Amino acid sequence: MDEFCNRHYIRLDLEGRIIKGFSDAFEQPIEGDICINEQSGRHFELFGVVNPPLMDVQGIYQYKYVDGVVSERTTEEIQADIANIPTVLSEQEQTNMAIAELTMMVASLL
């Protein structure tokens, strides 16, 4: 008796980072998705881990797809992404900046 198998797919961003991994048991691929395993289980697996997190706690993608091969991204690649994370000011910092701008505007009117 033949056992039913599912296909596992990945979706990439423009840099080749893996931004999504899924099984056709739950979702159908769209144009551009890449099948990385044609005979696997119901749940997506990568390197033997079922439904692995594709991002770390900072939101940085951990895997890439280059020349038909899935691999972990290098420390240098991850550090480059971290360096490009925009700085987010706290509410207090935003308030302080707004006060400083208003103070300068008022001073210029006097």
PDB file of N, CA and C in Angstrom:
ATOM      1  N   MET A   1       0.828  -1.178   0.000  1.00  0.00           N
ATOM      2  CA  MET A   1       0.000   0.000   0.000  1.00  0.00           C
ATOM      3  C   MET A   1       0.880   1.252   0.000  1.00  0.00           C
ATOM      4  N   ASP A   2       0.577   2.175  -0.895  1.00  0.00           N
ATOM      5  CA  ASP A   2       1.356   3.406  -0.999  1.00  0.00           C
ATOM      6  C   ASP A   2       0.962   4.381   0.097  1.00  0.00           C
ATOM      7  N   GLU A   3       1.970   4.950   0.745  1.00  0.00           N
ATOM      8  CA  GLU A   3       1.722   5.945   1.779  1.00  0.00           C
ATOM      9  C   GLU A   3       1.658   7.325   1.126  1.00  0.00           C
ATOM     10  N   PHE A   4       0.673   8.134   1.524  1.00  0.00           N
ATOM     11  CA  PHE A   4       0.534   9.480   0.966  1.00  0.00           C
ATOM     12  C   PHE A   4       1.612  10.378   1.554  1.00  0.00           C
ATOM     13  N   CYS A   5       2.253  11.141   0.709  1.00  0.00           N
ATOM     14  CA  CYS A   5       3.300  12.064   1.150  1.00  0.00           C
ATOM     15  C   CYS A   5       2.922  13.490   0.785  1.00  0.00           C
ATOM     16  N   ASN A   6       3.427  14.403   1.552  1.00  0.00           N
ATOM     17  CA  ASN A   6       3.229  15.821   1.270  1.00  0.00           C
ATOM     18  C   ASN A   6       4.516  16.426   0.745  1.00  0.00           C
ATOM     19  N   ARG A   7       4.357  17.508   0.006  1.00  0.00           N
ATOM     20  CA  ARG A   7       5.502  18.266  -0.482  1.00  0.00           C
ATOM     21  C   ARG A   7       5.752  19.430   0.474  1.00  0.00           C
ATOM     22  N   HIS A   8       7.028  19.751   0.630  1.00  0.00           N
ATOM     23  CA  HIS A   8       7.414  20.880   1.471  1.00  0.00           C
ATOM     24  C   HIS A   8       8.001  21.971   0.580  1.00  0.00           C
ATOM     25  N   TYR A   9       7.576  23.204   0.842  1.00  0.00           N
ATOM     26  CA  TYR A   9       7.962  24.347   0.021  1.00  0.00           C
ATOM     27  C   TYR A   9       8.598  25.435   0.872  1.00  0.00           C
ATOM     28  N   ILE A  10       9.396  26.264   0.207  1.00  0.00           N
ATOM     29  CA  ILE A  10       9.929  27.469   0.830  1.00  0.00           C
ATOM     30  C   ILE A  10       9.600  28.661  -0.060  1.00  0.00           C
ATOM     31  N   ARG A  11       9.537  29.814   0.574  1.00  0.00           N
ATOM     32  CA  ARG A  11       9.338  31.077  -0.145  1.00  0.00           C
ATOM     33  C   ARG A  11      10.510  31.973   0.226  1.00  0.00           C
ATOM     34  N   LEU A  12      11.057  32.663  -0.769  1.00  0.00           N
ATOM     35  CA  LEU A  12      12.244  33.493  -0.572  1.00  0.00           C
ATOM     36  C   LEU A  12      11.925  34.970  -0.726  1.00  0.00           C
ATOM     37  N   ASP A  13      12.755  35.806  -0.105  1.00  0.00           N
ATOM     38  CA  ASP A  13      12.701  37.231  -0.406  1.00  0.00           C
ATOM     39  C   ASP A  13      13.682  37.497  -1.545  1.00  0.00           C
ATOM     40  N   LEU A  14      13.841  38.742  -1.925  1.00  0.00           N
ATOM     41  CA  LEU A  14      14.707  39.073  -3.059  1.00  0.00           C
ATOM     42  C   LEU A  14      16.181  38.782  -2.798  1.00  0.00           C
ATOM     43  N   GLU A  15      16.552  38.639  -1.534  1.00  0.00           N
ATOM     44  CA  GLU A  15      17.943  38.361  -1.166  1.00  0.00           C
ATOM     45  C   GLU A  15      18.226  36.863  -1.028  1.00  0.00           C
ATOM     46  N   GLY A  16      17.220  36.022  -1.261  1.00  0.00           N
ATOM     47  CA  GLY A  16      17.405  34.579  -1.139  1.00  0.00           C
ATOM     48  C   GLY A  16      17.217  34.045   0.268  1.00  0.00           C
ATOM     49  N   ARG A  17      16.757  34.916   1.177  1.00  0.00           N
ATOM     50  CA  ARG A  17      16.472  34.463   2.537  1.00  0.00           C
ATOM     51  C   ARG A  17      15.148  33.706   2.539  1.00  0.00           C
ATOM     52  N   ILE A  18      15.080  32.632   3.323  1.00  0.00           N
ATOM     53  CA  ILE A  18      13.843  31.860   3.427  1.00  0.00           C
ATOM     54  C   ILE A  18      12.926  32.583   4.401  1.00  0.00           C
ATOM     55  N   ILE A  19      11.791  33.061   3.870  1.00  0.00           N
ATOM     56  CA  ILE A  19      10.864  33.836   4.691  1.00  0.00           C
ATOM     57  C   ILE A  19       9.616  33.045   5.056  1.00  0.00           C
ATOM     58  N   LYS A  20       9.452  31.870   4.441  1.00  0.00           N
ATOM     59  CA  LYS A  20       8.289  31.038   4.757  1.00  0.00           C
ATOM     60  C   LYS A  20       8.611  29.606   4.383  1.00  0.00           C
ATOM     61  N   GLY A  21       8.138  28.672   5.208  1.00  0.00           N
ATOM     62  CA  GLY A  21       8.244  27.252   4.917  1.00  0.00           C
ATOM     63  C   GLY A  21       6.916  26.601   5.234  1.00  0.00           C
ATOM     64  N   PHE A  22       6.448  25.718   4.354  1.00  0.00           N
ATOM     65  CA  PHE A  22       5.133  25.117   4.577  1.00  0.00           C
ATOM     66  C   PHE A  22       4.993  23.800   3.833  1.00  0.00           C
ATOM     67  N   SER A  23       3.972  23.063   4.216  1.00  0.00           N
ATOM     68  CA  SER A  23       3.617  21.791   3.592  1.00  0.00           C
ATOM     69  C   SER A  23       2.348  21.993   2.785  1.00  0.00           C
ATOM     70  N   ASP A  24       2.222  21.254   1.677  1.00  0.00           N
ATOM     71  CA  ASP A  24       0.996  21.376   0.888  1.00  0.00           C
ATOM     72  C   ASP A  24      -0.195  20.705   1.562  1.00  0.00           C
ATOM     73  N   ALA A  25       0.007  20.159   2.753  1.00  0.00           N
ATOM     74  CA  ALA A  25      -1.123  19.639   3.528  1.00  0.00           C
ATOM     75  C   ALA A  25      -1.981  20.790   4.044  1.00  0.00           C
ATOM     76  N   PHE A  26      -1.375  21.966   4.198  1.00  0.00           N
ATOM     77  CA  PHE A  26      -2.070  23.102   4.797  1.00  0.00           C
ATOM     78  C   PHE A  26      -2.187  24.313   3.882  1.00  0.00           C
ATOM     79  N   GLU A  27      -1.356  24.382   2.879  1.00  0.00           N
ATOM     80  CA  GLU A  27      -1.326  25.559   2.002  1.00  0.00           C
ATOM     81  C   GLU A  27      -0.834  25.136   0.630  1.00  0.00           C
ATOM     82  N   GLN A  28      -1.372  25.756  -0.396  1.00  0.00           N
ATOM     83  CA  GLN A  28      -0.926  25.462  -1.748  1.00  0.00           C
ATOM     84  C   GLN A  28       0.122  26.490  -2.167  1.00  0.00           C
ATOM     85  N   PRO A  29       1.151  26.043  -2.882  1.00  0.00           N
ATOM     86  CA  PRO A  29       2.211  26.964  -3.287  1.00  0.00           C
ATOM     87  C   PRO A  29       1.709  27.980  -4.309  1.00  0.00           C
ATOM     88  N   ILE A  30       2.375  29.116  -4.321  1.00  0.00           N
ATOM     89  CA  ILE A  30       2.111  30.126  -5.336  1.00  0.00           C
ATOM     90  C   ILE A  30       3.326  30.191  -6.252  1.00  0.00           C
ATOM     91  N   GLU A  31       3.192  30.944  -7.326  1.00  0.00           N
ATOM     92  CA  GLU A  31       4.292  31.082  -8.268  1.00  0.00           C
ATOM     93  C   GLU A  31       5.529  31.605  -7.543  1.00  0.00           C
ATOM     94  N   GLY A  32       6.651  30.962  -7.762  1.00  0.00           N
ATOM     95  CA  GLY A  32       7.897  31.363  -7.127  1.00  0.00           C
ATOM     96  C   GLY A  32       8.278  30.526  -5.921  1.00  0.00           C
ATOM     97  N   ASP A  33       7.308  29.827  -5.321  1.00  0.00           N
ATOM     98  CA  ASP A  33       7.635  28.934  -4.204  1.00  0.00           C
ATOM     99  C   ASP A  33       8.463  27.767  -4.727  1.00  0.00           C
ATOM    100  N   ILE A  34       9.337  27.251  -3.893  1.00  0.00           N
ATOM    101  CA  ILE A  34      10.273  26.205  -4.301  1.00  0.00           C
ATOM    102  C   ILE A  34      10.014  24.946  -3.491  1.00  0.00           C
ATOM    103  N   CYS A  35       9.820  23.831  -4.191  1.00  0.00           N
ATOM    104  CA  CYS A  35       9.637  22.544  -3.522  1.00  0.00           C
ATOM    105  C   CYS A  35      11.015  22.017  -3.122  1.00  0.00           C
ATOM    106  N   ILE A  36      11.200  21.771  -1.829  1.00  0.00           N
ATOM    107  CA  ILE A  36      12.491  21.267  -1.356  1.00  0.00           C
ATOM    108  C   ILE A  36      12.418  19.802  -0.944  1.00  0.00           C
ATOM    109  N   ASN A  37      11.200  19.261  -0.869  1.00  0.00           N
ATOM    110  CA  ASN A  37      11.037  17.849  -0.519  1.00  0.00           C
ATOM    111  C   ASN A  37       9.698  17.374  -1.071  1.00  0.00           C
ATOM    112  N   GLU A  38       9.744  16.398  -1.969  1.00  0.00           N
ATOM    113  CA  GLU A  38       8.517  15.917  -2.607  1.00  0.00           C
ATOM    114  C   GLU A  38       7.847  14.784  -1.853  1.00  0.00           C
ATOM    115  N   GLN A  39       8.532  14.178  -0.918  1.00  0.00           N
ATOM    116  CA  GLN A  39       7.961  13.050  -0.174  1.00  0.00           C
ATOM    117  C   GLN A  39       8.290  13.203   1.303  1.00  0.00           C
ATOM    118  N   SER A  40       7.412  13.898   1.990  1.00  0.00           N
ATOM    119  CA  SER A  40       7.663  14.119   3.405  1.00  0.00           C
ATOM    120  C   SER A  40       6.360  14.065   4.175  1.00  0.00           C
ATOM    121  N   GLY A  41       6.443  14.372   5.448  1.00  0.00           N
ATOM    122  CA  GLY A  41       5.281  14.302   6.322  1.00  0.00           C
ATOM    123  C   GLY A  41       4.351  15.483   6.157  1.00  0.00           C
ATOM    124  N   ARG A  42       3.346  15.486   6.983  1.00  0.00           N
ATOM    125  CA  ARG A  42       2.295  16.494   6.915  1.00  0.00           C
ATOM    126  C   ARG A  42       2.792  17.883   7.307  1.00  0.00           C
ATOM    127  N   HIS A  43       3.727  17.950   8.241  1.00  0.00           N
ATOM    128  CA  HIS A  43       4.226  19.232   8.737  1.00  0.00           C
ATOM    129  C   HIS A  43       5.580  19.560   8.123  1.00  0.00           C
ATOM    130  N   PHE A  44       5.795  20.843   7.843  1.00  0.00           N
ATOM    131  CA  PHE A  44       7.042  21.321   7.257  1.00  0.00           C
ATOM    132  C   PHE A  44       8.223  20.986   8.163  1.00  0.00           C
ATOM    133  N   GLU A  45       9.303  20.529   7.546  1.00  0.00           N
ATOM    134  CA  GLU A  45      10.538  20.221   8.279  1.00  0.00           C
ATOM    135  C   GLU A  45      11.720  20.860   7.577  1.00  0.00           C
ATOM    136  N   LEU A  46      12.687  21.259   8.376  1.00  0.00           N
ATOM    137  CA  LEU A  46      13.934  21.782   7.858  1.00  0.00           C
ATOM    138  C   LEU A  46      15.046  21.270   8.755  1.00  0.00           C
ATOM    139  N   PHE A  47      15.996  20.561   8.184  1.00  0.00           N
ATOM    140  CA  PHE A  47      17.096  19.958   8.932  1.00  0.00           C
ATOM    141  C   PHE A  47      16.594  19.071  10.068  1.00  0.00           C
ATOM    142  N   GLY A  48      15.490  18.358   9.822  1.00  0.00           N
ATOM    143  CA  GLY A  48      14.948  17.422  10.799  1.00  0.00           C
ATOM    144  C   GLY A  48      14.113  18.044  11.900  1.00  0.00           C
ATOM    145  N   VAL A  49      13.915  19.354  11.854  1.00  0.00           N
ATOM    146  CA  VAL A  49      13.117  20.051  12.861  1.00  0.00           C
ATOM    147  C   VAL A  49      11.751  20.370  12.261  1.00  0.00           C
ATOM    148  N   VAL A  50      10.687  19.964  12.962  1.00  0.00           N
ATOM    149  CA  VAL A  50       9.328  20.221  12.490  1.00  0.00           C
ATOM    150  C   VAL A  50       8.959  21.673  12.783  1.00  0.00           C
ATOM    151  N   ASN A  51       8.470  22.357  11.747  1.00  0.00           N
ATOM    152  CA  ASN A  51       8.061  23.764  11.847  1.00  0.00           C
ATOM    153  C   ASN A  51       9.083  24.623  12.598  1.00  0.00           C
ATOM    154  N   PRO A  52      10.321  24.652  12.106  1.00  0.00           N
ATOM    155  CA  PRO A  52      11.352  25.425  12.801  1.00  0.00           C
ATOM    156  C   PRO A  52      11.084  26.926  12.697  1.00  0.00           C
ATOM    157  N   PRO A  53      11.528  27.697  13.684  1.00  0.00           N
ATOM    158  CA  PRO A  53      11.412  29.150  13.539  1.00  0.00           C
ATOM    159  C   PRO A  53      12.380  29.610  12.449  1.00  0.00           C
ATOM    160  N   LEU A  54      11.885  30.369  11.509  1.00  0.00           N
ATOM    161  CA  LEU A  54      12.731  30.845  10.420  1.00  0.00           C
ATOM    162  C   LEU A  54      13.420  32.159  10.766  1.00  0.00           C
ATOM    163  N   MET A  55      12.940  32.816  11.847  1.00  0.00           N
ATOM    164  CA  MET A  55      13.528  34.073  12.315  1.00  0.00           C
ATOM    165  C   MET A  55      13.966  33.921  13.765  1.00  0.00           C
ATOM    166  N   ASP A  56      14.941  34.747  14.148  1.00  0.00           N
ATOM    167  CA  ASP A  56      15.322  34.779  15.560  1.00  0.00           C
ATOM    168  C   ASP A  56      14.455  35.810  16.288  1.00  0.00           C
ATOM    169  N   VAL A  57      14.754  36.065  17.552  1.00  0.00           N
ATOM    170  CA  VAL A  57      13.928  36.974  18.353  1.00  0.00           C
ATOM    171  C   VAL A  57      13.985  38.421  17.861  1.00  0.00           C
ATOM    172  N   GLN A  58      14.985  38.759  17.071  1.00  0.00           N
ATOM    173  CA  GLN A  58      15.096  40.110  16.513  1.00  0.00           C
ATOM    174  C   GLN A  58      14.384  40.232  15.167  1.00  0.00           C
ATOM    175  N   GLY A  59      13.825  39.118  14.683  1.00  0.00           N
ATOM    176  CA  GLY A  59      13.152  39.140  13.387  1.00  0.00           C
ATOM    177  C   GLY A  59      14.099  38.963  12.214  1.00  0.00           C
ATOM    178  N   ILE A  60      15.266  38.393  12.468  1.00  0.00           N
ATOM    179  CA  ILE A  60      16.267  38.178  11.425  1.00  0.00           C
ATOM    180  C   ILE A  60      16.124  36.753  10.893  1.00  0.00           C
ATOM    181  N   TYR A  61      16.005  36.636   9.565  1.00  0.00           N
ATOM    182  CA  TYR A  61      15.871  35.311   8.947  1.00  0.00           C
ATOM    183  C   TYR A  61      17.167  34.520   9.088  1.00  0.00           C
ATOM    184  N   GLN A  62      17.026  33.233   9.422  1.00  0.00           N
ATOM    185  CA  GLN A  62      18.169  32.391   9.764  1.00  0.00           C
ATOM    186  C   GLN A  62      18.651  31.473   8.641  1.00  0.00           C
ATOM    187  N   TYR A  63      17.850  31.344   7.570  1.00  0.00           N
ATOM    188  CA  TYR A  63      18.192  30.397   6.507  1.00  0.00           C
ATOM    189  C   TYR A  63      18.161  31.072   5.147  1.00  0.00           C
ATOM    190  N   LYS A  64      18.899  30.480   4.215  1.00  0.00           N
ATOM    191  CA  LYS A  64      18.942  30.994   2.851  1.00  0.00           C
ATOM    192  C   LYS A  64      18.880  29.826   1.872  1.00  0.00           C
ATOM    193  N   TYR A  65      18.617  30.161   0.621  1.00  0.00           N
ATOM    194  CA  TYR A  65      18.550  29.173  -0.453  1.00  0.00           C
ATOM    195  C   TYR A  65      19.414  29.704  -1.587  1.00  0.00           C
ATOM    196  N   VAL A  66      20.523  29.011  -1.841  1.00  0.00           N
ATOM    197  CA  VAL A  66      21.462  29.443  -2.870  1.00  0.00           C
ATOM    198  C   VAL A  66      21.839  28.245  -3.727  1.00  0.00           C
ATOM    199  N   ASP A  67      21.704  28.401  -5.039  1.00  0.00           N
ATOM    200  CA  ASP A  67      22.079  27.353  -5.995  1.00  0.00           C
ATOM    201  C   ASP A  67      21.452  26.010  -5.658  1.00  0.00           C
ATOM    202  N   GLY A  68      20.178  26.028  -5.271  1.00  0.00           N
ATOM    203  CA  GLY A  68      19.450  24.794  -5.005  1.00  0.00           C
ATOM    204  C   GLY A  68      19.704  24.172  -3.649  1.00  0.00           C
ATOM    205  N   VAL A  69      20.398  24.903  -2.766  1.00  0.00           N
ATOM    206  CA  VAL A  69      20.747  24.348  -1.458  1.00  0.00           C
ATOM    207  C   VAL A  69      20.222  25.255  -0.340  1.00  0.00           C
ATOM    208  N   VAL A  70      19.554  24.641   0.641  1.00  0.00           N
ATOM    209  CA  VAL A  70      19.129  25.353   1.847  1.00  0.00           C
ATOM    210  C   VAL A  70      20.276  25.282   2.849  1.00  0.00           C
ATOM    211  N   SER A  71      20.614  26.417   3.434  1.00  0.00           N
ATOM    212  CA  SER A  71      21.670  26.416   4.452  1.00  0.00           C
ATOM    213  C   SER A  71      21.403  27.522   5.464  1.00  0.00           C
ATOM    214  N   GLU A  72      22.093  27.424   6.595  1.00  0.00           N
ATOM    215  CA  GLU A  72      22.001  28.480   7.597  1.00  0.00           C
ATOM    216  C   GLU A  72      22.775  29.687   7.090  1.00  0.00           C
ATOM    217  N   ARG A  73      22.278  30.866   7.401  1.00  0.00           N
ATOM    218  CA  ARG A  73      22.979  32.080   7.017  1.00  0.00           C
ATOM    219  C   ARG A  73      24.209  32.252   7.903  1.00  0.00           C
ATOM    220  N   THR A  74      25.213  32.899   7.348  1.00  0.00           N
ATOM    221  CA  THR A  74      26.451  33.102   8.093  1.00  0.00           C
ATOM    222  C   THR A  74      26.267  34.193   9.143  1.00  0.00           C
ATOM    223  N   THR A  75      27.167  34.208  10.102  1.00  0.00           N
ATOM    224  CA  THR A  75      27.159  35.248  11.127  1.00  0.00           C
ATOM    225  C   THR A  75      27.270  36.623  10.484  1.00  0.00           C
ATOM    226  N   GLU A  76      28.097  36.740   9.454  1.00  0.00           N
ATOM    227  CA  GLU A  76      28.276  38.021   8.771  1.00  0.00           C
ATOM    228  C   GLU A  76      26.981  38.478   8.107  1.00  0.00           C
ATOM    229  N   GLU A  77      26.261  37.550   7.472  1.00  0.00           N
ATOM    230  CA  GLU A  77      24.989  37.900   6.826  1.00  0.00           C
ATOM    231  C   GLU A  77      23.964  38.363   7.860  1.00  0.00           C
ATOM    232  N   ILE A  78      23.911  37.655   8.967  1.00  0.00           N
ATOM    233  CA  ILE A  78      22.964  38.008  10.027  1.00  0.00           C
ATOM    234  C   ILE A  78      23.337  39.355  10.641  1.00  0.00           C
ATOM    235  N   GLN A  79      24.628  39.586  10.886  1.00  0.00           N
ATOM    236  CA  GLN A  79      25.079  40.865  11.449  1.00  0.00           C
ATOM    237  C   GLN A  79      24.756  42.027  10.513  1.00  0.00           C
ATOM    238  N   ALA A  80      24.866  41.800   9.202  1.00  0.00           N
ATOM    239  CA  ALA A  80      24.524  42.852   8.233  1.00  0.00           C
ATOM    240  C   ALA A  80      23.047  43.209   8.331  1.00  0.00           C
ATOM    241  N   ASP A  81      22.193  42.206   8.513  1.00  0.00           N
ATOM    242  CA  ASP A  81      20.761  42.476   8.683  1.00  0.00           C
ATOM    243  C   ASP A  81      20.503  43.241   9.976  1.00  0.00           C
ATOM    244  N   ILE A  82      21.189  42.853  11.042  1.00  0.00           N
ATOM    245  CA  ILE A  82      21.013  43.531  12.331  1.00  0.00           C
ATOM    246  C   ILE A  82      21.420  44.999  12.210  1.00  0.00           C
ATOM    247  N   ALA A  83      22.499  45.252  11.487  1.00  0.00           N
ATOM    248  CA  ALA A  83      22.972  46.630  11.309  1.00  0.00           C
ATOM    249  C   ALA A  83      21.957  47.485  10.553  1.00  0.00           C
ATOM    250  N   ASN A  84      21.103  46.850   9.763  1.00  0.00           N
ATOM    251  CA  ASN A  84      20.112  47.585   8.970  1.00  0.00           C
ATOM    252  C   ASN A  84      18.760  47.737   9.662  1.00  0.00           C
ATOM    253  N   ILE A  85      18.649  47.263  10.897  1.00  0.00           N
ATOM    254  CA  ILE A  85      17.391  47.430  11.628  1.00  0.00           C
ATOM    255  C   ILE A  85      17.262  48.905  11.999  1.00  0.00           C
ATOM    256  N   PRO A  86      16.149  49.535  11.613  1.00  0.00           N
ATOM    257  CA  PRO A  86      15.999  50.957  11.943  1.00  0.00           C
ATOM    258  C   PRO A  86      15.872  51.175  13.451  1.00  0.00           C
ATOM    259  N   THR A  87      16.425  52.268  13.911  1.00  0.00           N
ATOM    260  CA  THR A  87      16.338  52.619  15.322  1.00  0.00           C
ATOM    261  C   THR A  87      14.932  53.126  15.623  1.00  0.00           C
ATOM    262  N   VAL A  88      14.349  52.595  16.655  1.00  0.00           N
ATOM    263  CA  VAL A  88      13.016  53.022  17.072  1.00  0.00           C
ATOM    264  C   VAL A  88      13.160  53.797  18.374  1.00  0.00           C
ATOM    265  N   LEU A  89      12.667  55.011  18.346  1.00  0.00           N
ATOM    266  CA  LEU A  89      12.749  55.844  19.544  1.00  0.00           C
ATOM    267  C   LEU A  89      11.615  55.504  20.498  1.00  0.00           C
ATOM    268  N   SER A  90      11.916  55.560  21.778  1.00  0.00           N
ATOM    269  CA  SER A  90      10.880  55.342  22.790  1.00  0.00           C
ATOM    270  C   SER A  90       9.919  56.532  22.777  1.00  0.00           C
ATOM    271  N   GLU A  91       8.780  56.365  23.421  1.00  0.00           N
ATOM    272  CA  GLU A  91       7.814  57.465  23.516  1.00  0.00           C
ATOM    273  C   GLU A  91       8.435  58.676  24.193  1.00  0.00           C
ATOM    274  N   GLN A  92       9.218  58.417  25.229  1.00  0.00           N
ATOM    275  CA  GLN A  92       9.860  59.520  25.960  1.00  0.00           C
ATOM    276  C   GLN A  92      10.837  60.257  25.055  1.00  0.00           C
ATOM    277  N   GLU A  93      11.629  59.517  24.269  1.00  0.00           N
ATOM    278  CA  GLU A  93      12.579  60.155  23.359  1.00  0.00           C
ATOM    279  C   GLU A  93      11.848  60.976  22.298  1.00  0.00           C
ATOM    280  N   GLN A  94      10.744  60.439  21.779  1.00  0.00           N
ATOM    281  CA  GLN A  94       9.954  61.173  20.786  1.00  0.00           C
ATOM    282  C   GLN A  94       9.381  62.451  21.393  1.00  0.00           C
ATOM    283  N   THR A  95       8.886  62.350  22.620  1.00  0.00           N
ATOM    284  CA  THR A  95       8.335  63.523  23.311  1.00  0.00           C
ATOM    285  C   THR A  95       9.416  64.570  23.531  1.00  0.00           C
ATOM    286  N   ASN A  96      10.589  64.131  23.970  1.00  0.00           N
ATOM    287  CA  ASN A  96      11.701  65.061  24.201  1.00  0.00           C
ATOM    288  C   ASN A  96      12.101  65.773  22.911  1.00  0.00           C
ATOM    289  N   MET A  97      12.131  65.035  21.802  1.00  0.00           N
ATOM    290  CA  MET A  97      12.479  65.641  20.515  1.00  0.00           C
ATOM    291  C   MET A  97      11.422  66.660  20.098  1.00  0.00           C
ATOM    292  N   ALA A  98      10.149  66.323  20.292  1.00  0.00           N
ATOM    293  CA  ALA A  98       9.066  67.243  19.933  1.00  0.00           C
ATOM    294  C   ALA A  98       9.147  68.516  20.768  1.00  0.00           C
ATOM    295  N   ILE A  99       9.431  68.381  22.048  1.00  0.00           N
ATOM    296  CA  ILE A  99       9.570  69.549  22.932  1.00  0.00           C
ATOM    297  C   ILE A  99      10.733  70.419  22.472  1.00  0.00           C
ATOM    298  N   ALA A 100      11.850  69.788  22.135  1.00  0.00           N
ATOM    299  CA  ALA A 100      13.020  70.539  21.678  1.00  0.00           C
ATOM    300  C   ALA A 100      12.703  71.290  20.385  1.00  0.00           C
ATOM    301  N   GLU A 101      12.002  70.649  19.453  1.00  0.00           N
ATOM    302  CA  GLU A 101      11.631  71.309  18.199  1.00  0.00           C
ATOM    303  C   GLU A 101      10.698  72.485  18.459  1.00  0.00           C
ATOM    304  N   LEU A 102       9.702  72.284  19.308  1.00  0.00           N
ATOM    305  CA  LEU A 102       8.767  73.365  19.628  1.00  0.00           C
ATOM    306  C   LEU A 102       9.473  74.523  20.329  1.00  0.00           C
ATOM    307  N   THR A 103      10.403  74.199  21.210  1.00  0.00           N
ATOM    308  CA  THR A 103      11.169  75.231  21.915  1.00  0.00           C
ATOM    309  C   THR A 103      11.955  76.076  20.915  1.00  0.00           C
ATOM    310  N   MET A 104      12.574  75.428  19.935  1.00  0.00           N
ATOM    311  CA  MET A 104      13.333  76.162  18.914  1.00  0.00           C
ATOM    312  C   MET A 104      12.402  77.017  18.058  1.00  0.00           C
ATOM    313  N   MET A 105      11.215  76.498  17.730  1.00  0.00           N
ATOM    314  CA  MET A 105      10.258  77.260  16.931  1.00  0.00           C
ATOM    315  C   MET A 105       9.799  78.509  17.685  1.00  0.00           C
ATOM    316  N   VAL A 106       9.491  78.341  18.960  1.00  0.00           N
ATOM    317  CA  VAL A 106       9.051  79.475  19.781  1.00  0.00           C
ATOM    318  C   VAL A 106      10.179  80.495  19.901  1.00  0.00           C
ATOM    319  N   ALA A 107      11.396  80.019  20.117  1.00  0.00           N
ATOM    320  CA  ALA A 107      12.545  80.916  20.254  1.00  0.00           C
ATOM    321  C   ALA A 107      12.766  81.716  18.973  1.00  0.00           C
ATOM    322  N   SER A 108      12.521  81.103  17.825  1.00  0.00           N
ATOM    323  CA  SER A 108      12.724  81.815  16.561  1.00  0.00           C
ATOM    324  C   SER A 108      11.654  82.880  16.325  1.00  0.00           C
ATOM    325  N   LEU A 109      10.511  82.752  16.979  1.00  0.00           N
ATOM    326  CA  LEU A 109       9.433  83.733  16.839  1.00  0.00           C
ATOM    327  C   LEU A 109       9.626  84.939  17.749  1.00  0.00           C
ATOM    328  N   LEU A 110      10.423  84.780  18.779  1.00  0.00           N
ATOM    329  CA  LEU A 110      10.615  85.871  19.753  1.00  0.00           C
ATOM    330  C   LEU A 110      11.640  86.867  19.313  1.00  0.00           C
TER     331      LEU A 110
END
